């Protein structure tokens, strides 16, 4: 097998340019909202299971929801934020709670 000069192939390669102007994805804050029916224990459970929060932090966020009317669960890209909101609503529906969860652009 003979060696070929790489310059021989330049005429058959497509003219490709690299994109260097990549934008960071937009971020969304996921929020739990207070209601008068969902138990505090269930809110802590949601925070631990859906958002992987340790028990102490989940309790702190639950108290924000209870005292301030809302609590921040995390910041995610759009697809993940929507998925988390849907997981919370599905979990609450299965357990018979009207827990509301939403996301907002940062």
C-alpha atoms as a PDB file:
ATOM      1  CA  UNK A   1       0.000   0.000   0.000  1.00  0.00           C
ATOM      2  CA  UNK A   2       1.383   3.390  -0.919  1.00  0.00           C
ATOM      3  CA  UNK A   3       1.081   6.551   1.093  1.00  0.00           C
ATOM      4  CA  UNK A   4      -0.981   9.332  -0.428  1.00  0.00           C
ATOM      5  CA  UNK A   5      -0.638  13.001   0.114  1.00  0.00           C
ATOM      6  CA  UNK A   6      -3.625  14.335   2.142  1.00  0.00           C
ATOM      7  CA  UNK A   7      -3.768  17.307  -0.216  1.00  0.00           C
ATOM      8  CA  UNK A   8      -5.008  14.972  -2.924  1.00  0.00           C
ATOM      9  CA  UNK A   9      -8.356  14.650  -1.181  1.00  0.00           C
ATOM     10  CA  UNK A  10      -9.185  18.323  -0.677  1.00  0.00           C
ATOM     11  CA  UNK A  11     -11.131  18.513  -3.908  1.00  0.00           C
ATOM     12  CA  UNK A  12     -13.566  15.757  -2.857  1.00  0.00           C
ATOM     13  CA  UNK A  13     -14.218  16.913   0.709  1.00  0.00           C
ATOM     14  CA  UNK A  14     -17.274  19.085   1.272  1.00  0.00           C
ATOM     15  CA  UNK A  15     -16.699  22.654   2.326  1.00  0.00           C
ATOM     16  CA  UNK A  16     -17.561  22.446   6.038  1.00  0.00           C
ATOM     17  CA  UNK A  17     -17.387  25.269   8.521  1.00  0.00           C
ATOM     18  CA  UNK A  18     -17.595  24.803  12.251  1.00  0.00           C
ATOM     19  CA  UNK A  19     -20.221  26.684  14.231  1.00  0.00           C
ATOM     20  CA  UNK A  20     -18.654  28.410  17.180  1.00  0.00           C
ATOM     21  CA  UNK A  21     -21.567  30.644  18.185  1.00  0.00           C
ATOM     22  CA  UNK A  22     -23.345  28.245  20.518  1.00  0.00           C
ATOM     23  CA  UNK A  23     -25.894  29.756  22.869  1.00  0.00           C
ATOM     24  CA  UNK A  24     -26.547  28.525  26.375  1.00  0.00           C
ATOM     25  CA  UNK A  25     -30.054  27.093  26.722  1.00  0.00           C
ATOM     26  CA  UNK A  26     -32.637  29.256  28.453  1.00  0.00           C
ATOM     27  CA  UNK A  27     -33.251  28.262  32.075  1.00  0.00           C
ATOM     28  CA  UNK A  28     -36.546  27.841  33.927  1.00  0.00           C
ATOM     29  CA  UNK A  29     -37.313  27.910  37.635  1.00  0.00           C
ATOM     30  CA  UNK A  30     -39.677  25.144  38.846  1.00  0.00           C
ATOM     31  CA  UNK A  31     -42.015  26.241  41.635  1.00  0.00           C
ATOM     32  CA  UNK A  32     -44.416  24.464  44.012  1.00  0.00           C
ATOM     33  CA  UNK A  33     -47.489  26.450  45.084  1.00  0.00           C
ATOM     34  CA  UNK A  34     -49.304  26.297  48.417  1.00  0.00           C
ATOM     35  CA  UNK A  35     -52.835  24.981  48.778  1.00  0.00           C
ATOM     36  CA  UNK A  36     -54.957  24.086  51.804  1.00  0.00           C
ATOM     37  CA  UNK A  37     -55.237  20.367  51.065  1.00  0.00           C
ATOM     38  CA  UNK A  38     -51.839  18.886  50.186  1.00  0.00           C
ATOM     39  CA  UNK A  39     -50.036  17.576  53.254  1.00  0.00           C
ATOM     40  CA  UNK A  40     -46.607  18.816  54.210  1.00  0.00           C
ATOM     41  CA  UNK A  41     -45.331  15.235  54.291  1.00  0.00           C
ATOM     42  CA  UNK A  42     -46.406  14.722  50.684  1.00  0.00           C
ATOM     43  CA  UNK A  43     -44.667  17.927  49.576  1.00  0.00           C
ATOM     44  CA  UNK A  44     -41.447  16.727  51.234  1.00  0.00           C
ATOM     45  CA  UNK A  45     -41.867  13.348  49.513  1.00  0.00           C
ATOM     46  CA  UNK A  46     -42.291  15.055  46.119  1.00  0.00           C
ATOM     47  CA  UNK A  47     -39.203  17.169  46.661  1.00  0.00           C
ATOM     48  CA  UNK A  48     -37.143  14.133  47.607  1.00  0.00           C
ATOM     49  CA  UNK A  49     -38.385  11.843  44.814  1.00  0.00           C
ATOM     50  CA  UNK A  50     -38.862  14.192  41.863  1.00  0.00           C
ATOM     51  CA  UNK A  51     -36.181  16.765  42.625  1.00  0.00           C
ATOM     52  CA  UNK A  52     -33.692  14.534  44.516  1.00  0.00           C
ATOM     53  CA  UNK A  53     -33.509  16.921  47.474  1.00  0.00           C
ATOM     54  CA  UNK A  54     -32.110  15.660  50.782  1.00  0.00           C
ATOM     55  CA  UNK A  55     -34.664  15.555  53.620  1.00  0.00           C
ATOM     56  CA  UNK A  56     -33.433  18.722  55.363  1.00  0.00           C
ATOM     57  CA  UNK A  57     -33.530  20.821  52.193  1.00  0.00           C
ATOM     58  CA  UNK A  58     -36.880  19.328  51.163  1.00  0.00           C
ATOM     59  CA  UNK A  59     -38.289  20.353  54.551  1.00  0.00           C
ATOM     60  CA  UNK A  60     -36.931  23.889  54.151  1.00  0.00           C
ATOM     61  CA  UNK A  61     -38.499  24.237  50.687  1.00  0.00           C
ATOM     62  CA  UNK A  62     -41.790  22.790  51.987  1.00  0.00           C
ATOM     63  CA  UNK A  63     -41.808  25.441  54.721  1.00  0.00           C
ATOM     64  CA  UNK A  64     -41.253  28.146  52.065  1.00  0.00           C
ATOM     65  CA  UNK A  65     -44.256  26.770  50.192  1.00  0.00           C
ATOM     66  CA  UNK A  66     -46.318  26.765  53.390  1.00  0.00           C
ATOM     67  CA  UNK A  67     -45.258  30.185  54.726  1.00  0.00           C
ATOM     68  CA  UNK A  68     -44.616  32.180  51.556  1.00  0.00           C
ATOM     69  CA  UNK A  69     -47.089  30.523  49.229  1.00  0.00           C
ATOM     70  CA  UNK A  70     -44.443  29.127  46.901  1.00  0.00           C
ATOM     71  CA  UNK A  71     -41.079  27.411  46.969  1.00  0.00           C
ATOM     72  CA  UNK A  72     -38.351  27.000  44.375  1.00  0.00           C
ATOM     73  CA  UNK A  73     -37.564  23.366  43.565  1.00  0.00           C
ATOM     74  CA  UNK A  74     -34.729  23.905  41.100  1.00  0.00           C
ATOM     75  CA  UNK A  75     -33.580  25.506  37.859  1.00  0.00           C
ATOM     76  CA  UNK A  76     -33.553  23.462  34.647  1.00  0.00           C
ATOM     77  CA  UNK A  77     -33.555  23.722  30.891  1.00  0.00           C
ATOM     78  CA  UNK A  78     -37.031  23.827  29.335  1.00  0.00           C
ATOM     79  CA  UNK A  79     -37.524  20.117  28.605  1.00  0.00           C
ATOM     80  CA  UNK A  80     -36.408  19.062  32.069  1.00  0.00           C
ATOM     81  CA  UNK A  81     -38.552  21.747  33.762  1.00  0.00           C
ATOM     82  CA  UNK A  82     -41.661  20.627  31.866  1.00  0.00           C
ATOM     83  CA  UNK A  83     -40.918  16.998  32.694  1.00  0.00           C
ATOM     84  CA  UNK A  84     -40.524  17.777  36.419  1.00  0.00           C
ATOM     85  CA  UNK A  85     -43.823  19.713  36.481  1.00  0.00           C
ATOM     86  CA  UNK A  86     -45.586  16.800  34.765  1.00  0.00           C
ATOM     87  CA  UNK A  87     -44.069  14.301  37.231  1.00  0.00           C
ATOM     88  CA  UNK A  88     -45.287  16.372  40.197  1.00  0.00           C
ATOM     89  CA  UNK A  89     -48.811  16.678  38.781  1.00  0.00           C
ATOM     90  CA  UNK A  90     -48.990  12.940  38.002  1.00  0.00           C
ATOM     91  CA  UNK A  91     -47.745  12.005  41.482  1.00  0.00           C
ATOM     92  CA  UNK A  92     -50.214  14.401  43.150  1.00  0.00           C
ATOM     93  CA  UNK A  93     -53.102  13.144  41.018  1.00  0.00           C
ATOM     94  CA  UNK A  94     -52.337   9.513  41.943  1.00  0.00           C
ATOM     95  CA  UNK A  95     -52.415  10.426  45.636  1.00  0.00           C
ATOM     96  CA  UNK A  96     -55.503  12.665  45.354  1.00  0.00           C
ATOM     97  CA  UNK A  97     -53.826  16.005  46.079  1.00  0.00           C
ATOM     98  CA  UNK A  98     -54.383  19.252  44.134  1.00  0.00           C
ATOM     99  CA  UNK A  99     -50.704  20.265  44.389  1.00  0.00           C
ATOM    100  CA  UNK A 100     -49.831  22.861  41.774  1.00  0.00           C
ATOM    101  CA  UNK A 101     -46.392  23.080  40.217  1.00  0.00           C
ATOM    102  CA  UNK A 102     -45.262  25.501  37.521  1.00  0.00           C
ATOM    103  CA  UNK A 103     -42.173  26.845  35.785  1.00  0.00           C
ATOM    104  CA  UNK A 104     -41.097  30.339  34.842  1.00  0.00           C
ATOM    105  CA  UNK A 105     -38.322  31.677  32.667  1.00  0.00           C
ATOM    106  CA  UNK A 106     -35.402  33.211  34.481  1.00  0.00           C
END
